[in-house]
Amino acid sequence: MKYFFKIILLFTLAVNSQNQSTIKNVLFIMVDDLRPELNIYGQNKIISPNIDALGASGVIFDRAYCNVPVCGASRASLLTGMRPTANRFLTYHSRIKKDMPDVVNMAQYFKERGYSTVSNNKITHIKNDIDSWDDEWYPKVKSWRDYLSEENLNLQALNKAGYAYENMDVPDSAYIDGQTALKSVEDLKKFKKEGSPFFLAVGFVKPHLPFNAPKKYWDLYDRNSISLPVNATFPKSAPQRANHKWGELRAYADIPKKGPVPDLIAKKLIHGYYASVSYVDAQIGVLIKGLTELGLRENTIIVLVGDHGWSLSDHGLWAKHSNFEVALQVPLIISDSSLSKAAHTNSIAELVDIYPTLCELTAGESPSHLQGSSLVSALESPNKLFKNKALARYHKGETLIVDKLFYTEWQQKGKAVSKMLYDHETDPNEINNLANDPEYSSTVKALSQQLEQFKTTFN
């Protein structure tokens, strides 16, 4: 009889162990201000071997878009699965606790399903905006700008911003993103020991301004080979409402308070952006190497995404804060051992789609409030087109993307007062605004009606 019960016990433990191993973990990686200027997107300018390798292990969304091009609002929208509207998720300091306190956010969703939930560094823009983390960790720094050079520190001590870049001969861990990678690997070791499923969210700050990166990443690039974009001036046909003063960059020491950035400084900024991306790419490599060496890779879904795009003098603009594609398009890679490898999909993705996608990939039921749609069909059949529309907004500018058409309008008292229409089939750099071309009047009218229907659905 004792032998019989021993066999039953061993069988039960084996079944439980098998069930445990089938529960998918989630490694969610968000990179601030990351535009898809990467090799996996056909852009051979930035050296990013670890992101490239991750793309080779999963599905790359060639047409992924944020729903609002500003960090706080974008992250709040993504983490709640709710779209921005005229009344919520508007600015960099948007808060989930203020705008959508009653919805089940992504961390809460996984915590309620028995996952260990950890947030490292910048996931929400505002600290303690989600109460559902078992651990919400931030590196200790004197300032969010994370300067190390004596010159920048002295400027900062005088209440000044310092320079928009920093090139220091220091180890990766001297800056906070290197510390974030190391902390995250330690968390993976802890998860491995505990044996419980985990939702680990890792937020890398670079390439957010200032462009601080160890010297070896600056040395990867020859500044003389860096060129400015072909659309480096604001298009004459675009409405002035689409323009902005890129105040985020203007605050720094050597940036003119008015007018364009001189070409030499512009190239140095682009150089710094590239170096910062390569630095973060190396930290992503540390993180994924740790995951793999611990034997957790096979059972972990990896999502890598940017919170919004970033202008590097495209349209004569810097930073985000616009309705041009360069501010809206983001890299998105989803890697799952049970899904396609090294595949690209042209099926459109929005950041609000990530939450329902993770629900389905982890065999969980999606909360009823979610406004995005699961991307699993595109992951399973990347060659098919499942979605051809996206909706984004920045303040009063609302952008509807339909196939290759990008339509934006600004309304005042219920009437469109400014419009933009770009056909990416013929004008991928968005130079020629077609909104006022009589030949496109019927197209503009149809897109305006679709935009109204689309946003009414989610308000």
Protein backbone atom coordinates (compact mmCIF):
# COMPACT_ATOMS: atom_id res chain seq x y z
CA MET A 1 0.00 0.00 0.00
CA LYS A 2 2.83 2.39 0.86
CA TYR A 3 4.46 1.55 -2.48
CA PHE A 4 1.15 2.33 -4.27
CA PHE A 5 0.84 5.75 -2.61
CA LYS A 6 4.50 6.46 -3.39
CA ILE A 7 3.87 5.79 -7.08
CA ILE A 8 0.80 8.07 -7.03
CA LEU A 9 2.80 10.83 -5.33
CA LEU A 10 5.64 10.59 -7.84
CA PHE A 11 3.14 10.66 -10.73
CA THR A 12 1.41 13.75 -9.27
CA LEU A 13 4.72 15.55 -8.82
CA ALA A 14 5.72 14.69 -12.39
CA VAL A 15 2.43 16.05 -13.74
CA ASN A 16 2.74 19.22 -11.70
CA SER A 17 6.32 19.67 -12.89
CA GLN A 18 5.24 19.23 -16.51
CA ASN A 19 2.40 21.74 -16.07
CA GLN A 20 4.80 24.20 -14.47
CA SER A 21 7.21 23.93 -17.41
CA THR A 22 4.45 24.70 -19.92
CA ILE A 23 3.65 28.05 -18.26
CA LYS A 24 5.39 30.63 -20.38
CA ASN A 25 7.56 33.27 -18.73
CA VAL A 26 7.70 36.79 -20.17
CA LEU A 27 10.80 38.95 -20.62
CA PHE A 28 9.53 42.37 -21.67
CA ILE A 29 12.26 44.75 -22.87
CA MET A 30 11.45 48.39 -23.56
CA VAL A 31 14.01 50.75 -25.06
CA ASP A 32 13.44 54.49 -24.76
CA ASP A 33 13.42 56.58 -27.99
CA LEU A 34 14.47 53.63 -30.17
CA ARG A 35 13.70 54.12 -33.84
CA PRO A 36 13.85 51.14 -36.25
CA GLU A 37 17.10 52.27 -37.83
CA LEU A 38 18.56 48.80 -37.37
CA ASN A 39 20.05 46.10 -39.59
CA ILE A 40 16.99 43.90 -39.19
CA TYR A 41 14.95 46.72 -40.70
CA GLY A 42 17.23 47.01 -43.72
CA GLN A 43 19.12 50.00 -42.28
CA ASN A 44 22.84 49.30 -42.14
CA LYS A 45 23.80 52.30 -40.03
CA ILE A 46 23.68 51.11 -36.42
CA ILE A 47 25.74 48.21 -35.08
CA SER A 48 23.33 46.08 -33.04
CA PRO A 49 24.31 42.39 -33.22
CA ASN A 50 22.26 41.32 -30.19
CA ILE A 51 19.02 42.89 -31.40
CA ASP A 52 19.75 41.34 -34.80
CA ALA A 53 20.18 37.93 -33.15
CA LEU A 54 16.93 38.34 -31.26
CA GLY A 55 15.19 39.17 -34.53
CA ALA A 56 16.62 35.97 -36.01
CA SER A 57 14.91 34.03 -33.21
CA GLY A 58 11.48 35.57 -33.65
CA VAL A 59 9.14 37.71 -35.70
CA ILE A 60 10.02 41.28 -36.68
CA PHE A 61 7.11 43.66 -37.18
CA ASP A 62 8.13 45.95 -40.01
CA ARG A 63 5.13 48.18 -39.41
CA ALA A 64 4.73 48.70 -35.67
CA TYR A 65 3.49 52.04 -34.34
CA CYS A 66 3.12 53.70 -30.96
CA ASN A 67 -0.27 55.18 -30.14
CA VAL A 68 1.14 58.42 -28.75
CA PRO A 69 4.70 59.72 -29.34
CA VAL A 70 5.64 60.76 -25.81
CA CYS A 71 7.10 58.41 -23.21
CA GLY A 72 4.77 58.68 -20.20
CA ALA A 73 1.59 58.52 -22.23
CA SER A 74 2.88 55.77 -24.52
CA ARG A 75 3.89 53.54 -21.62
CA ALA A 76 0.63 54.11 -19.75
CA SER A 77 -1.33 53.25 -22.88
CA LEU A 78 0.70 50.10 -23.54
CA LEU A 79 0.56 48.84 -19.95
CA THR A 80 -3.21 49.32 -19.67
CA GLY A 81 -4.06 48.26 -23.22
CA MET A 82 -6.10 51.46 -23.56
CA ARG A 83 -5.76 53.99 -26.36
CA PRO A 84 -4.96 57.64 -25.74
CA THR A 85 -7.89 60.03 -26.17
CA ALA A 86 -8.50 63.76 -25.76
CA ASN A 87 -8.97 63.07 -22.04
CA ARG A 88 -6.30 60.50 -21.15
CA PHE A 89 -2.65 59.67 -21.81
CA LEU A 90 -1.64 63.04 -23.25
CA THR A 91 1.79 64.01 -21.90
CA TYR A 92 5.13 62.68 -20.69
CA HIS A 93 3.92 62.75 -17.08
CA SER A 94 0.69 60.80 -17.75
CA ARG A 95 -0.13 58.42 -14.93
CA ILE A 96 -2.08 55.19 -14.92
CA LYS A 97 -3.18 55.90 -11.36
CA LYS A 98 -4.74 59.16 -12.50
CA ASP A 99 -6.10 58.36 -15.97
CA MET A 100 -7.07 54.68 -15.67
CA PRO A 101 -6.76 53.58 -12.03
CA ASP A 102 -9.49 50.94 -12.15
CA VAL A 103 -8.33 48.82 -15.10
CA VAL A 104 -6.19 45.72 -14.65
CA ASN A 105 -2.76 46.79 -15.90
CA MET A 106 -0.30 44.34 -17.41
CA ALA A 107 1.72 43.80 -14.23
CA GLN A 108 -1.42 43.24 -12.19
CA TYR A 109 -2.72 40.79 -14.79
CA PHE A 110 0.34 38.56 -14.48
CA LYS A 111 0.58 38.92 -10.71
CA GLU A 112 -3.01 37.75 -10.32
CA ARG A 113 -2.12 34.68 -12.38
CA GLY A 114 0.66 33.71 -9.99
CA TYR A 115 3.63 35.25 -11.79
CA SER A 116 6.53 36.94 -10.04
CA THR A 117 6.45 40.50 -11.37
CA VAL A 118 9.57 42.66 -11.45
CA SER A 119 10.18 46.07 -13.04
CA ASN A 120 13.76 47.18 -13.53
CA ASN A 121 14.52 50.80 -14.39
CA LYS A 122 12.19 52.74 -16.69
CA ILE A 123 8.99 50.84 -17.48
CA THR A 124 6.44 53.37 -16.28
CA HIS A 125 7.58 56.96 -16.67
CA ILE A 126 6.47 57.85 -13.15
CA LYS A 127 7.78 55.75 -10.24
CA ASN A 128 5.23 53.75 -8.27
CA ASP A 129 2.55 54.23 -10.92
CA ILE A 130 1.73 50.51 -10.68
CA ASP A 131 1.31 48.76 -7.35
CA SER A 132 1.50 45.24 -8.76
CA TRP A 133 5.26 44.76 -8.92
CA ASP A 134 6.85 42.39 -6.44
CA ASP A 135 9.93 44.53 -6.97
CA GLU A 136 10.17 47.94 -8.69
CA TRP A 137 13.88 48.73 -8.93
CA TYR A 138 15.69 51.87 -10.06
CA PRO A 139 19.45 52.43 -10.09
CA LYS A 140 20.80 55.02 -7.70
CA VAL A 141 21.92 58.12 -9.58
CA LYS A 142 22.52 61.76 -8.73
CA SER A 143 20.45 62.84 -11.71
CA TRP A 144 18.33 61.14 -14.36
CA ARG A 145 20.78 62.50 -16.97
CA ASP A 146 23.38 60.07 -15.55
CA TYR A 147 26.44 62.23 -16.30
CA LEU A 148 29.93 61.04 -15.40
CA SER A 149 32.23 63.64 -16.96
CA GLU A 150 33.56 66.41 -14.74
CA GLU A 151 32.44 69.06 -17.21
CA ASN A 152 28.85 67.85 -17.32
CA LEU A 153 28.72 67.35 -13.57
CA ASN A 154 29.96 70.89 -13.01
CA LEU A 155 27.31 72.28 -15.35
CA GLN A 156 24.68 70.21 -13.59
CA ALA A 157 25.85 71.58 -10.21
CA LEU A 158 25.14 75.03 -11.59
CA ASN A 159 21.58 73.96 -12.39
CA LYS A 160 22.35 73.64 -16.09
CA ALA A 161 21.62 70.71 -18.36
CA GLY A 162 25.15 69.96 -19.54
CA TYR A 163 25.90 68.67 -23.01
CA ALA A 164 23.59 66.49 -25.08
CA TYR A 165 26.18 63.70 -25.23
CA GLU A 166 29.01 62.15 -23.26
CA ASN A 167 31.92 59.99 -24.38
CA MET A 168 33.71 58.44 -21.41
CA ASP A 169 36.24 55.62 -21.24
CA VAL A 170 34.36 53.65 -18.57
CA PRO A 171 32.96 50.12 -18.19
CA ASP A 172 29.36 49.44 -19.23
CA SER A 173 28.21 49.24 -15.61
CA ALA A 174 29.29 52.83 -14.95
CA TYR A 175 26.04 53.98 -16.58
CA ILE A 176 22.60 52.93 -15.38
CA ASP A 177 21.69 50.73 -18.34
CA GLY A 178 24.67 48.49 -17.65
CA GLN A 179 23.56 48.26 -14.02
CA THR A 180 20.04 47.44 -15.18
CA ALA A 181 21.25 44.49 -17.25
CA LEU A 182 23.24 43.07 -14.32
CA LYS A 183 20.32 43.48 -11.90
CA SER A 184 18.02 41.74 -14.36
CA VAL A 185 20.35 38.75 -14.70
CA GLU A 186 20.36 38.42 -10.91
CA ASP A 187 16.56 38.39 -11.01
CA LEU A 188 16.64 35.61 -13.59
CA LYS A 189 18.85 33.56 -11.28
CA LYS A 190 16.34 34.09 -8.49
CA PHE A 191 13.42 33.04 -10.73
CA LYS A 192 15.36 29.95 -11.75
CA LYS A 193 15.92 29.00 -8.12
CA GLU A 194 12.29 29.63 -7.13
CA GLY A 195 10.84 27.81 -10.12
CA SER A 196 7.84 30.13 -10.44
CA PRO A 197 6.72 31.79 -13.68
CA PHE A 198 7.89 35.37 -14.08
CA PHE A 199 7.03 38.61 -15.83
CA LEU A 200 10.29 40.56 -15.92
CA ALA A 201 10.05 44.04 -17.39
CA VAL A 202 13.40 45.66 -18.21
CA GLY A 203 13.55 49.31 -19.26
CA PHE A 204 16.69 50.65 -20.90
CA VAL A 205 16.95 54.45 -20.91
CA LYS A 206 19.33 55.03 -23.80
CA PRO A 207 19.19 56.24 -26.50
CA HIS A 208 17.18 58.89 -24.64
CA LEU A 209 18.96 62.24 -24.30
CA PRO A 210 21.65 62.89 -23.28
CA PHE A 211 23.52 60.45 -25.50
CA ASN A 212 25.88 59.07 -22.84
CA ALA A 213 27.74 55.90 -23.78
CA PRO A 214 31.13 54.35 -23.02
CA LYS A 215 33.88 55.35 -25.45
CA LYS A 216 34.14 51.93 -27.10
CA TYR A 217 30.65 52.35 -28.55
CA TRP A 218 31.47 55.79 -29.95
CA ASP A 219 34.57 54.22 -31.50
CA LEU A 220 32.42 51.85 -33.55
CA TYR A 221 31.50 54.72 -35.87
CA ASP A 222 33.31 57.12 -38.19
CA ARG A 223 31.58 60.47 -37.90
CA ASN A 224 32.79 61.45 -41.37
CA SER A 225 30.61 58.71 -42.81
CA ILE A 226 27.47 59.97 -41.05
CA SER A 227 25.10 61.93 -43.26
CA LEU A 228 22.00 63.96 -42.52
CA PRO A 229 18.63 62.61 -43.72
CA VAL A 230 17.37 63.56 -47.17
CA ASN A 231 14.34 65.25 -45.58
CA ALA A 232 16.33 67.40 -43.14
CA THR A 233 14.15 70.49 -43.60
CA PHE A 234 10.53 71.03 -42.67
CA PRO A 235 8.38 70.35 -45.77
CA LYS A 236 6.83 73.47 -47.30
CA SER A 237 3.57 71.66 -47.96
CA ALA A 238 3.11 70.56 -44.32
CA PRO A 239 0.96 72.66 -41.96
CA GLN A 240 2.79 74.56 -39.24
CA ARG A 241 0.75 72.63 -36.66
CA ALA A 242 2.93 69.66 -37.54
CA ASN A 243 6.04 71.62 -36.60
CA HIS A 244 7.42 71.96 -33.09
CA LYS A 245 10.38 73.61 -31.36
CA TRP A 246 11.97 70.37 -30.08
CA GLY A 247 12.43 71.86 -26.63
CA GLU A 248 13.68 68.55 -25.28
CA LEU A 249 16.96 69.08 -27.14
CA ARG A 250 17.10 72.89 -26.92
CA ALA A 251 17.79 72.71 -23.18
CA TYR A 252 21.31 71.31 -23.63
CA ALA A 253 24.54 73.30 -23.48
CA ASP A 254 25.66 73.56 -27.09
CA ILE A 255 22.28 73.50 -28.81
CA PRO A 256 21.04 76.81 -30.28
CA LYS A 257 17.93 78.19 -28.61
CA LYS A 258 16.50 79.11 -32.01
CA GLY A 259 16.97 77.95 -35.56
CA PRO A 260 18.48 74.74 -36.93
CA VAL A 261 21.30 72.75 -35.39
CA PRO A 262 24.58 73.33 -37.28
CA ASP A 263 25.58 70.34 -39.40
CA LEU A 264 28.68 69.52 -37.35
CA ILE A 265 26.69 69.34 -34.12
CA ALA A 266 23.88 67.46 -35.88
CA LYS A 267 26.34 64.78 -36.98
CA LYS A 268 27.77 64.59 -33.46
CA LEU A 269 24.26 64.10 -32.10
CA ILE A 270 23.55 61.35 -34.62
CA HIS A 271 26.90 59.78 -33.72
CA GLY A 272 25.90 59.87 -30.05
CA TYR A 273 22.52 58.33 -30.80
CA TYR A 274 24.15 55.47 -32.71
CA ALA A 275 26.68 54.90 -29.91
CA SER A 276 23.88 54.86 -27.32
CA VAL A 277 21.92 52.26 -29.29
CA SER A 278 25.02 50.05 -29.61
CA TYR A 279 25.59 50.40 -25.87
CA VAL A 280 22.03 49.31 -25.09
CA ASP A 281 22.32 46.51 -27.64
CA ALA A 282 25.26 45.14 -25.64
CA GLN A 283 23.16 45.22 -22.45
CA ILE A 284 20.38 43.35 -24.22
CA GLY A 285 23.04 40.79 -25.13
CA VAL A 286 24.03 40.43 -21.47
CA LEU A 287 20.39 39.93 -20.52
CA ILE A 288 19.58 37.32 -23.16
CA LYS A 289 22.85 35.48 -22.57
CA GLY A 290 21.90 35.19 -18.89
CA LEU A 291 18.45 33.92 -19.81
CA THR A 292 19.95 31.31 -22.13
CA GLU A 293 22.70 30.10 -19.78
CA LEU A 294 20.12 29.60 -17.02
CA GLY A 295 18.11 27.32 -19.30
CA LEU A 296 15.12 29.68 -19.31
CA ARG A 297 15.17 30.81 -22.94
CA GLU A 298 13.11 27.96 -24.37
CA ASN A 299 10.18 28.65 -22.06
CA THR A 300 10.29 32.45 -22.16
CA ILE A 301 8.50 34.82 -24.51
CA ILE A 302 10.75 37.79 -25.29
CA VAL A 303 9.26 41.10 -26.40
CA LEU A 304 11.53 43.95 -27.45
CA VAL A 305 9.88 47.26 -28.26
CA GLY A 306 10.53 51.00 -28.38
CA ASP A 307 8.10 53.35 -26.65
CA HIS A 308 8.00 55.70 -29.68
CA GLY A 309 10.19 56.89 -32.51
CA TRP A 310 12.68 59.77 -32.60
CA SER A 311 13.64 62.40 -35.16
CA LEU A 312 17.32 62.87 -35.95
CA SER A 313 16.74 66.11 -37.91
CA ASP A 314 14.12 64.37 -40.08
CA HIS A 315 11.77 67.14 -41.28
CA GLY A 316 14.12 69.57 -39.57
CA LEU A 317 12.93 68.23 -36.21
CA TRP A 318 14.56 66.53 -33.24
CA ALA A 319 13.07 64.24 -30.56
CA LYS A 320 9.52 62.87 -30.82
CA HIS A 321 6.33 64.92 -30.30
CA SER A 322 5.05 64.86 -33.87
CA ASN A 323 2.62 63.03 -36.14
CA PHE A 324 5.24 62.17 -38.74
CA GLU A 325 6.02 58.49 -39.17
CA VAL A 326 9.54 58.86 -37.75
CA ALA A 327 8.01 59.74 -34.37
CA LEU A 328 5.37 57.00 -34.53
CA GLN A 329 7.17 53.95 -35.90
CA VAL A 330 8.90 51.65 -33.42
CA PRO A 331 10.85 48.40 -33.58
CA LEU A 332 8.92 45.39 -32.32
CA ILE A 333 10.29 41.85 -32.05
CA ILE A 334 8.45 38.94 -30.44
CA SER A 335 10.42 35.75 -29.89
CA ASP A 336 8.75 32.54 -28.74
CA SER A 337 10.32 29.11 -29.23
CA SER A 338 7.01 27.72 -30.47
CA LEU A 339 6.58 30.36 -33.19
CA SER A 340 8.25 31.51 -36.40
CA LYS A 341 11.96 32.30 -36.56
CA ALA A 342 13.73 35.06 -38.51
CA ALA A 343 10.46 36.18 -40.05
CA HIS A 344 9.22 39.61 -41.04
CA THR A 345 5.59 40.63 -41.17
CA ASN A 346 3.97 43.63 -42.84
CA SER A 347 0.83 43.16 -40.77
CA ILE A 348 0.44 46.40 -38.80
CA ALA A 349 0.97 46.33 -35.04
CA GLU A 350 0.15 48.98 -32.42
CA LEU A 351 1.54 49.14 -28.91
CA VAL A 352 -1.95 48.54 -27.47
CA ASP A 353 -1.80 45.14 -29.20
CA ILE A 354 1.03 43.86 -27.00
CA TYR A 355 -1.11 43.28 -23.88
CA PRO A 356 -3.71 41.02 -25.59
CA THR A 357 -0.90 39.26 -27.48
CA LEU A 358 0.83 38.30 -24.22
CA CYS A 359 -2.49 37.15 -22.78
CA GLU A 360 -2.93 34.73 -25.67
CA LEU A 361 0.69 33.56 -25.81
CA THR A 362 0.60 32.70 -22.10
CA ALA A 363 -2.78 30.94 -22.45
CA GLY A 364 -4.61 33.51 -20.36
CA GLU A 365 -7.98 35.14 -20.86
CA SER A 366 -7.82 38.76 -22.07
CA PRO A 367 -9.41 41.38 -19.79
CA SER A 368 -12.56 42.84 -21.32
CA HIS A 369 -11.26 46.44 -21.27
CA LEU A 370 -8.44 45.86 -23.77
CA GLN A 371 -8.70 47.97 -26.92
CA GLY A 372 -5.93 46.38 -28.95
CA SER A 373 -6.02 43.11 -30.84
CA SER A 374 -3.82 40.06 -30.43
CA LEU A 375 -0.94 39.72 -32.88
CA VAL A 376 -0.70 35.94 -32.54
CA SER A 377 -2.14 35.32 -36.01
CA ALA A 378 0.64 37.45 -37.51
CA LEU A 379 3.19 35.58 -35.40
CA GLU A 380 1.91 32.23 -36.62
CA SER A 381 1.56 33.30 -40.26
CA PRO A 382 3.88 36.29 -40.77
CA ASN A 383 3.45 36.23 -44.54
CA LYS A 384 -0.24 37.04 -44.27
CA LEU A 385 -1.72 40.50 -43.68
CA PHE A 386 -4.09 40.51 -40.71
CA LYS A 387 -4.21 44.19 -39.88
CA ASN A 388 -3.84 47.23 -42.12
CA LYS A 389 -4.80 50.11 -39.80
CA ALA A 390 -3.38 52.00 -36.85
CA LEU A 391 -4.43 55.08 -34.91
CA ALA A 392 -2.12 57.53 -33.14
CA ARG A 393 -2.51 60.96 -31.64
CA TYR A 394 -0.32 63.71 -30.29
CA HIS A 395 -2.25 66.42 -28.47
CA LYS A 396 -4.92 67.46 -31.02
CA GLY A 397 -3.25 65.86 -34.01
CA GLU A 398 -4.80 62.49 -34.89
CA THR A 399 -3.17 60.13 -37.37
CA LEU A 400 -4.86 57.28 -39.18
CA ILE A 401 -2.63 54.81 -40.97
CA VAL A 402 -4.35 52.71 -43.63
CA ASP A 403 -2.10 50.50 -45.73
CA LYS A 404 0.50 52.90 -47.17
CA LEU A 405 -1.50 56.06 -46.51
CA PHE A 406 -0.75 58.30 -43.51
CA TYR A 407 -3.52 60.78 -42.84
CA THR A 408 -3.42 63.36 -40.02
CA GLU A 409 -5.88 66.06 -39.10
CA TRP A 410 -6.11 68.68 -36.39
CA GLN A 411 -9.62 69.63 -35.35
CA GLN A 412 -10.95 72.77 -33.75
CA LYS A 413 -14.57 72.93 -32.58
CA GLY A 414 -15.30 69.70 -34.40
CA LYS A 415 -13.89 70.87 -37.73
CA ALA A 416 -10.60 69.86 -39.35
CA VAL A 417 -8.42 72.97 -39.60
CA SER A 418 -5.18 71.34 -40.78
CA LYS A 419 -4.46 68.11 -42.65
CA MET A 420 -1.59 65.97 -43.87
CA LEU A 421 -1.71 63.05 -46.28
CA TYR A 422 1.34 61.08 -47.35
CA ASP A 423 1.45 58.12 -49.67
CA HIS A 424 4.38 55.96 -48.55
CA GLU A 425 4.25 53.99 -51.76
CA THR A 426 5.61 57.02 -53.63
CA ASP A 427 6.80 59.30 -50.81
CA PRO A 428 8.26 57.29 -47.89
CA ASN A 429 10.08 60.35 -46.51
CA GLU A 430 6.84 62.35 -46.21
CA ILE A 431 7.91 65.37 -48.22
CA ASN A 432 4.86 66.01 -50.41
CA ASN A 433 1.65 66.65 -48.45
CA LEU A 434 -1.27 65.56 -50.66
CA ALA A 435 -4.07 66.70 -48.36
CA ASN A 436 -4.80 69.85 -50.35
CA ASP A 437 -4.33 68.30 -53.78
CA PRO A 438 -7.71 68.29 -55.59
CA GLU A 439 -6.92 64.85 -57.03
CA TYR A 440 -6.94 63.41 -53.51
CA SER A 441 -10.04 65.18 -52.19
CA SER A 442 -12.16 62.02 -52.23
CA THR A 443 -9.36 60.08 -50.52
CA VAL A 444 -9.07 62.74 -47.82
CA LYS A 445 -12.82 62.72 -47.25
CA ALA A 446 -12.92 58.92 -46.94
CA LEU A 447 -9.95 58.83 -44.56
CA SER A 448 -11.43 61.61 -42.43
CA GLN A 449 -14.64 59.58 -42.07
CA GLN A 450 -12.66 56.45 -41.17
CA LEU A 451 -10.68 58.42 -38.60
CA GLU A 452 -13.85 59.68 -36.98
CA GLN A 453 -15.34 56.17 -36.85
CA PHE A 454 -12.12 54.68 -35.53
CA LYS A 455 -11.61 57.15 -32.68
CA THR A 456 -15.33 57.18 -31.74
CA THR A 457 -15.12 53.44 -31.17
CA PHE A 458 -12.46 53.85 -28.49
CA ASN A 459 -13.37 57.13 -26.77
